[in-house]
Amino acid sequence: MDELNYCEVVQIILKSHAINRPHIQTEVQLIFDTERDRYQVLNIGWQDLTRVFGCIIYVEIKDGKIWIERDGTEIGVANELVAAGVPKQDIILGFKAPYKRKFTEFATG
């Protein structure tokens, strides 16, 4: 079995969150720093008279583990990673407090 390239898997998943968003008036931007393994999906623009700038998803790959630092999706990036073949022990929910991670089905860090 071929080993998964986590960088590629993360990029594919994040790209899927930047397309087909007809109900969103703002622009969704992808920021991929492949040199440092940092990946981000941003929501930028104006919604009526309100400025919108926010991070939807932020993921880092550190020491062979995928750290999800921000996940503003309904489906859950961790669930999408598992569906793509990433083992749960290689996914860390960085947005959860360290003491709470042991109660998830994912790695603790």
N, C-alpha and C. Protein backbone atom coordinates (compact mmCIF):
# COMPACT_ATOMS: atom_id res chain seq x y z
N MET A 1 0.84 -1.19 0.00
CA MET A 1 0.00 0.00 0.00
C MET A 1 0.88 1.25 0.00
N ASP A 2 0.56 2.20 -0.84
CA ASP A 2 1.32 3.44 -0.91
C ASP A 2 1.05 4.29 0.33
N GLU A 3 2.12 4.95 0.80
CA GLU A 3 1.99 5.84 1.94
C GLU A 3 1.34 7.14 1.48
N LEU A 4 0.42 7.64 2.28
CA LEU A 4 -0.27 8.89 1.94
C LEU A 4 0.68 10.08 2.05
N ASN A 5 0.55 11.00 1.12
CA ASN A 5 1.26 12.26 1.20
C ASN A 5 0.32 13.24 1.90
N TYR A 6 0.56 13.49 3.19
CA TYR A 6 -0.35 14.31 3.98
C TYR A 6 -0.50 15.72 3.41
N CYS A 7 0.56 16.26 2.87
CA CYS A 7 0.52 17.59 2.25
C CYS A 7 -0.52 17.61 1.12
N GLU A 8 -0.48 16.62 0.26
CA GLU A 8 -1.42 16.55 -0.85
C GLU A 8 -2.85 16.33 -0.38
N VAL A 9 -3.03 15.44 0.59
CA VAL A 9 -4.37 15.14 1.11
C VAL A 9 -4.99 16.40 1.72
N VAL A 10 -4.22 17.11 2.53
CA VAL A 10 -4.72 18.34 3.16
C VAL A 10 -5.10 19.36 2.09
N GLN A 11 -4.26 19.54 1.09
CA GLN A 11 -4.56 20.52 0.04
C GLN A 11 -5.84 20.16 -0.72
N ILE A 12 -6.03 18.90 -1.04
CA ILE A 12 -7.24 18.48 -1.75
C ILE A 12 -8.48 18.78 -0.92
N ILE A 13 -8.43 18.46 0.36
CA ILE A 13 -9.58 18.69 1.23
C ILE A 13 -9.87 20.18 1.37
N LEU A 14 -8.83 20.98 1.58
CA LEU A 14 -9.05 22.41 1.74
C LEU A 14 -9.55 23.06 0.45
N LYS A 15 -9.05 22.60 -0.69
CA LYS A 15 -9.54 23.12 -1.97
C LYS A 15 -11.03 22.86 -2.14
N SER A 16 -11.49 21.73 -1.65
CA SER A 16 -12.92 21.41 -1.78
C SER A 16 -13.79 22.37 -0.99
N HIS A 17 -13.22 23.01 0.03
CA HIS A 17 -13.98 23.98 0.82
C HIS A 17 -13.99 25.37 0.19
N ALA A 18 -13.21 25.55 -0.86
CA ALA A 18 -13.13 26.87 -1.51
C ALA A 18 -13.96 26.94 -2.79
N ILE A 19 -14.57 25.83 -3.19
CA ILE A 19 -15.37 25.83 -4.41
C ILE A 19 -16.84 25.61 -4.08
N ASN A 20 -17.68 25.94 -5.05
CA ASN A 20 -19.13 25.71 -4.92
C ASN A 20 -19.71 26.35 -3.66
N ARG A 21 -19.49 27.64 -3.51
CA ARG A 21 -20.04 28.37 -2.36
C ARG A 21 -20.91 29.53 -2.87
N PRO A 22 -22.00 29.22 -3.57
CA PRO A 22 -22.81 30.28 -4.20
C PRO A 22 -23.53 31.18 -3.20
N HIS A 23 -23.77 30.70 -1.98
CA HIS A 23 -24.49 31.50 -0.98
C HIS A 23 -23.57 32.47 -0.24
N ILE A 24 -22.28 32.40 -0.48
CA ILE A 24 -21.30 33.26 0.19
C ILE A 24 -20.98 34.44 -0.72
N GLN A 25 -21.15 35.67 -0.20
CA GLN A 25 -20.87 36.88 -0.98
C GLN A 25 -19.38 37.22 -0.98
N THR A 26 -18.65 36.69 -0.04
CA THR A 26 -17.24 37.02 0.10
C THR A 26 -16.37 36.04 -0.68
N GLU A 27 -15.10 36.37 -0.77
CA GLU A 27 -14.14 35.52 -1.47
C GLU A 27 -13.51 34.53 -0.50
N VAL A 28 -13.37 33.31 -0.94
CA VAL A 28 -12.69 32.30 -0.15
C VAL A 28 -11.29 32.15 -0.73
N GLN A 29 -10.27 32.35 0.10
CA GLN A 29 -8.90 32.26 -0.36
C GLN A 29 -8.18 31.09 0.29
N LEU A 30 -7.34 30.45 -0.50
CA LEU A 30 -6.50 29.36 -0.02
C LEU A 30 -5.08 29.89 0.16
N ILE A 31 -4.48 29.59 1.28
CA ILE A 31 -3.09 29.96 1.53
C ILE A 31 -2.35 28.67 1.89
N PHE A 32 -1.45 28.25 1.00
CA PHE A 32 -0.69 27.03 1.20
C PHE A 32 0.78 27.37 1.32
N ASP A 33 1.35 27.16 2.48
CA ASP A 33 2.79 27.34 2.70
C ASP A 33 3.39 25.94 2.76
N THR A 34 3.77 25.41 1.60
CA THR A 34 4.25 24.04 1.53
C THR A 34 5.67 23.89 2.10
N GLU A 35 6.39 24.99 2.19
CA GLU A 35 7.74 24.94 2.77
C GLU A 35 7.67 24.67 4.28
N ARG A 36 6.67 25.25 4.94
CA ARG A 36 6.52 25.10 6.39
C ARG A 36 5.34 24.20 6.77
N ASP A 37 4.66 23.64 5.77
CA ASP A 37 3.49 22.76 5.97
C ASP A 37 2.39 23.44 6.78
N ARG A 38 1.97 24.61 6.32
CA ARG A 38 0.86 25.35 6.93
C ARG A 38 -0.16 25.63 5.85
N TYR A 39 -1.44 25.35 6.15
CA TYR A 39 -2.49 25.42 5.15
C TYR A 39 -3.71 26.11 5.76
N GLN A 40 -4.29 27.05 4.97
CA GLN A 40 -5.35 27.88 5.53
C GLN A 40 -6.42 28.18 4.48
N VAL A 41 -7.65 28.28 4.95
CA VAL A 41 -8.77 28.74 4.12
C VAL A 41 -9.33 29.98 4.81
N LEU A 42 -9.35 31.09 4.07
CA LEU A 42 -9.82 32.36 4.61
C LEU A 42 -11.08 32.82 3.90
N ASN A 43 -11.92 33.54 4.63
CA ASN A 43 -13.10 34.19 4.11
C ASN A 43 -12.82 35.69 4.15
N ILE A 44 -12.79 36.34 2.98
CA ILE A 44 -12.40 37.75 2.90
C ILE A 44 -13.36 38.52 2.00
N GLY A 45 -13.71 39.73 2.43
CA GLY A 45 -14.52 40.59 1.58
C GLY A 45 -15.51 41.42 2.37
N TRP A 46 -16.57 41.78 1.69
CA TRP A 46 -17.64 42.57 2.30
C TRP A 46 -18.96 41.84 2.17
N GLN A 47 -19.73 41.84 3.24
CA GLN A 47 -21.07 41.30 3.21
C GLN A 47 -21.98 42.46 3.60
N ASP A 48 -22.64 43.01 2.59
CA ASP A 48 -23.39 44.26 2.73
C ASP A 48 -22.42 45.35 3.18
N LEU A 49 -22.60 45.93 4.36
CA LEU A 49 -21.73 47.00 4.84
C LEU A 49 -20.72 46.52 5.89
N THR A 50 -20.62 45.22 6.04
CA THR A 50 -19.75 44.65 7.07
C THR A 50 -18.52 44.00 6.44
N ARG A 51 -17.35 44.36 6.96
CA ARG A 51 -16.10 43.76 6.50
C ARG A 51 -15.99 42.36 7.09
N VAL A 52 -15.64 41.41 6.24
CA VAL A 52 -15.48 40.02 6.67
C VAL A 52 -14.03 39.60 6.43
N PHE A 53 -13.40 39.11 7.46
CA PHE A 53 -12.06 38.54 7.34
C PHE A 53 -11.94 37.51 8.45
N GLY A 54 -11.87 36.25 8.05
CA GLY A 54 -11.79 35.22 9.07
C GLY A 54 -11.23 33.93 8.55
N CYS A 55 -10.62 33.22 9.44
CA CYS A 55 -10.04 31.92 9.14
C CYS A 55 -11.11 30.84 9.29
N ILE A 56 -11.34 30.10 8.22
CA ILE A 56 -12.30 29.01 8.25
C ILE A 56 -11.61 27.72 8.70
N ILE A 57 -10.44 27.46 8.11
CA ILE A 57 -9.68 26.25 8.43
C ILE A 57 -8.20 26.61 8.51
N TYR A 58 -7.53 26.06 9.52
CA TYR A 58 -6.07 26.20 9.62
C TYR A 58 -5.49 24.86 10.04
N VAL A 59 -4.57 24.34 9.23
CA VAL A 59 -3.97 23.03 9.46
C VAL A 59 -2.46 23.14 9.33
N GLU A 60 -1.74 22.45 10.21
CA GLU A 60 -0.28 22.34 10.11
C GLU A 60 0.10 20.87 10.13
N ILE A 61 1.19 20.55 9.47
CA ILE A 61 1.75 19.20 9.55
C ILE A 61 3.05 19.34 10.31
N LYS A 62 3.11 18.69 11.49
CA LYS A 62 4.30 18.76 12.35
C LYS A 62 4.66 17.36 12.81
N ASP A 63 5.92 17.01 12.64
CA ASP A 63 6.42 15.72 13.10
C ASP A 63 5.58 14.55 12.60
N GLY A 64 5.12 14.63 11.34
CA GLY A 64 4.36 13.54 10.75
C GLY A 64 2.91 13.46 11.18
N LYS A 65 2.45 14.44 11.93
CA LYS A 65 1.05 14.48 12.40
C LYS A 65 0.35 15.68 11.78
N ILE A 66 -0.94 15.55 11.55
CA ILE A 66 -1.74 16.64 11.03
C ILE A 66 -2.44 17.32 12.21
N TRP A 67 -2.08 18.58 12.43
CA TRP A 67 -2.66 19.37 13.52
C TRP A 67 -3.75 20.26 12.95
N ILE A 68 -4.98 20.05 13.37
CA ILE A 68 -6.09 20.91 12.97
C ILE A 68 -6.24 21.98 14.05
N GLU A 69 -5.83 23.20 13.73
CA GLU A 69 -5.85 24.29 14.71
C GLU A 69 -7.15 25.08 14.67
N ARG A 70 -7.81 25.08 13.52
CA ARG A 70 -9.10 25.77 13.38
C ARG A 70 -9.92 24.99 12.38
N ASP A 71 -11.17 24.72 12.74
CA ASP A 71 -12.07 24.00 11.85
C ASP A 71 -13.46 24.61 11.95
N GLY A 72 -13.79 25.45 10.99
CA GLY A 72 -15.10 26.11 10.97
C GLY A 72 -16.06 25.45 10.01
N THR A 73 -15.89 24.14 9.80
CA THR A 73 -16.77 23.41 8.88
C THR A 73 -17.79 22.59 9.65
N GLU A 74 -18.85 22.23 8.97
CA GLU A 74 -19.86 21.39 9.59
C GLU A 74 -19.45 19.92 9.60
N ILE A 75 -18.85 19.46 8.51
CA ILE A 75 -18.50 18.05 8.38
C ILE A 75 -17.32 17.67 9.26
N GLY A 76 -16.39 18.60 9.45
CA GLY A 76 -15.20 18.33 10.24
C GLY A 76 -14.05 17.86 9.38
N VAL A 77 -12.98 18.63 9.36
CA VAL A 77 -11.80 18.30 8.56
C VAL A 77 -11.23 16.95 9.00
N ALA A 78 -11.25 16.67 10.30
CA ALA A 78 -10.72 15.38 10.79
C ALA A 78 -11.49 14.22 10.16
N ASN A 79 -12.80 14.34 10.06
CA ASN A 79 -13.61 13.29 9.44
C ASN A 79 -13.26 13.12 7.97
N GLU A 80 -13.00 14.23 7.29
CA GLU A 80 -12.61 14.16 5.88
C GLU A 80 -11.24 13.51 5.72
N LEU A 81 -10.33 13.81 6.64
CA LEU A 81 -9.00 13.19 6.60
C LEU A 81 -9.10 11.68 6.80
N VAL A 82 -9.90 11.26 7.74
CA VAL A 82 -10.09 9.82 7.98
C VAL A 82 -10.69 9.15 6.74
N ALA A 83 -11.68 9.80 6.13
CA ALA A 83 -12.30 9.25 4.92
C ALA A 83 -11.28 9.14 3.78
N ALA A 84 -10.26 10.01 3.80
CA ALA A 84 -9.21 9.98 2.77
C ALA A 84 -8.12 8.96 3.08
N GLY A 85 -8.22 8.30 4.24
CA GLY A 85 -7.27 7.25 4.58
C GLY A 85 -6.23 7.61 5.62
N VAL A 86 -6.33 8.79 6.22
CA VAL A 86 -5.37 9.17 7.26
C VAL A 86 -5.76 8.48 8.57
N PRO A 87 -4.84 7.78 9.21
CA PRO A 87 -5.15 7.12 10.48
C PRO A 87 -5.46 8.15 11.57
N LYS A 88 -6.41 7.82 12.43
CA LYS A 88 -6.80 8.75 13.50
C LYS A 88 -5.63 9.10 14.42
N GLN A 89 -4.68 8.18 14.58
CA GLN A 89 -3.54 8.47 15.46
C GLN A 89 -2.58 9.49 14.86
N ASP A 90 -2.80 9.88 13.59
CA ASP A 90 -1.99 10.92 12.95
C ASP A 90 -2.71 12.26 12.85
N ILE A 91 -3.86 12.36 13.48
CA ILE A 91 -4.65 13.60 13.46
C ILE A 91 -4.78 14.12 14.88
N ILE A 92 -4.42 15.39 15.07
CA ILE A 92 -4.51 16.02 16.39
C ILE A 92 -5.46 17.21 16.30
N LEU A 93 -6.44 17.23 17.17
CA LEU A 93 -7.39 18.34 17.21
C LEU A 93 -6.80 19.44 18.08
N GLY A 94 -5.95 20.26 17.47
CA GLY A 94 -5.25 21.31 18.19
C GLY A 94 -6.16 22.37 18.76
N PHE A 95 -7.38 22.48 18.26
CA PHE A 95 -8.32 23.48 18.77
C PHE A 95 -8.98 23.03 20.07
N LYS A 96 -8.75 21.79 20.45
CA LYS A 96 -9.26 21.29 21.74
C LYS A 96 -8.16 21.42 22.78
N ALA A 97 -8.54 21.73 24.00
CA ALA A 97 -7.57 21.85 25.10
C ALA A 97 -6.83 20.52 25.26
N PRO A 98 -5.53 20.57 25.55
CA PRO A 98 -4.75 19.33 25.67
C PRO A 98 -5.37 18.29 26.61
N TYR A 99 -5.95 18.72 27.72
CA TYR A 99 -6.53 17.76 28.66
C TYR A 99 -7.79 17.10 28.12
N LYS A 100 -8.45 17.72 27.12
CA LYS A 100 -9.67 17.16 26.54
C LYS A 100 -9.38 16.20 25.38
N ARG A 101 -8.19 16.27 24.80
CA ARG A 101 -7.89 15.46 23.62
C ARG A 101 -7.95 13.97 23.90
N LYS A 102 -7.65 13.56 25.13
CA LYS A 102 -7.68 12.13 25.44
C LYS A 102 -9.09 11.55 25.39
N PHE A 103 -10.10 12.42 25.39
CA PHE A 103 -11.48 11.97 25.33
C PHE A 103 -12.00 11.89 23.89
N THR A 104 -11.14 12.25 22.92
CA THR A 104 -11.52 12.14 21.50
C THR A 104 -10.97 10.83 20.97
N GLU A 105 -11.36 10.50 19.77
CA GLU A 105 -10.84 9.29 19.13
C GLU A 105 -9.58 9.55 18.33
N PHE A 106 -9.03 10.76 18.47
CA PHE A 106 -7.85 11.15 17.71
C PHE A 106 -6.63 11.24 18.62
N ALA A 107 -5.47 11.54 18.03
CA ALA A 107 -4.22 11.61 18.79
C ALA A 107 -4.27 12.76 19.79
N THR A 108 -3.44 12.67 20.82
CA THR A 108 -3.43 13.69 21.87
C THR A 108 -2.34 14.71 21.68
N GLY A 109 -1.37 14.44 20.84
CA GLY A 109 -0.29 15.41 20.60
C GLY A 109 0.92 14.96 21.26
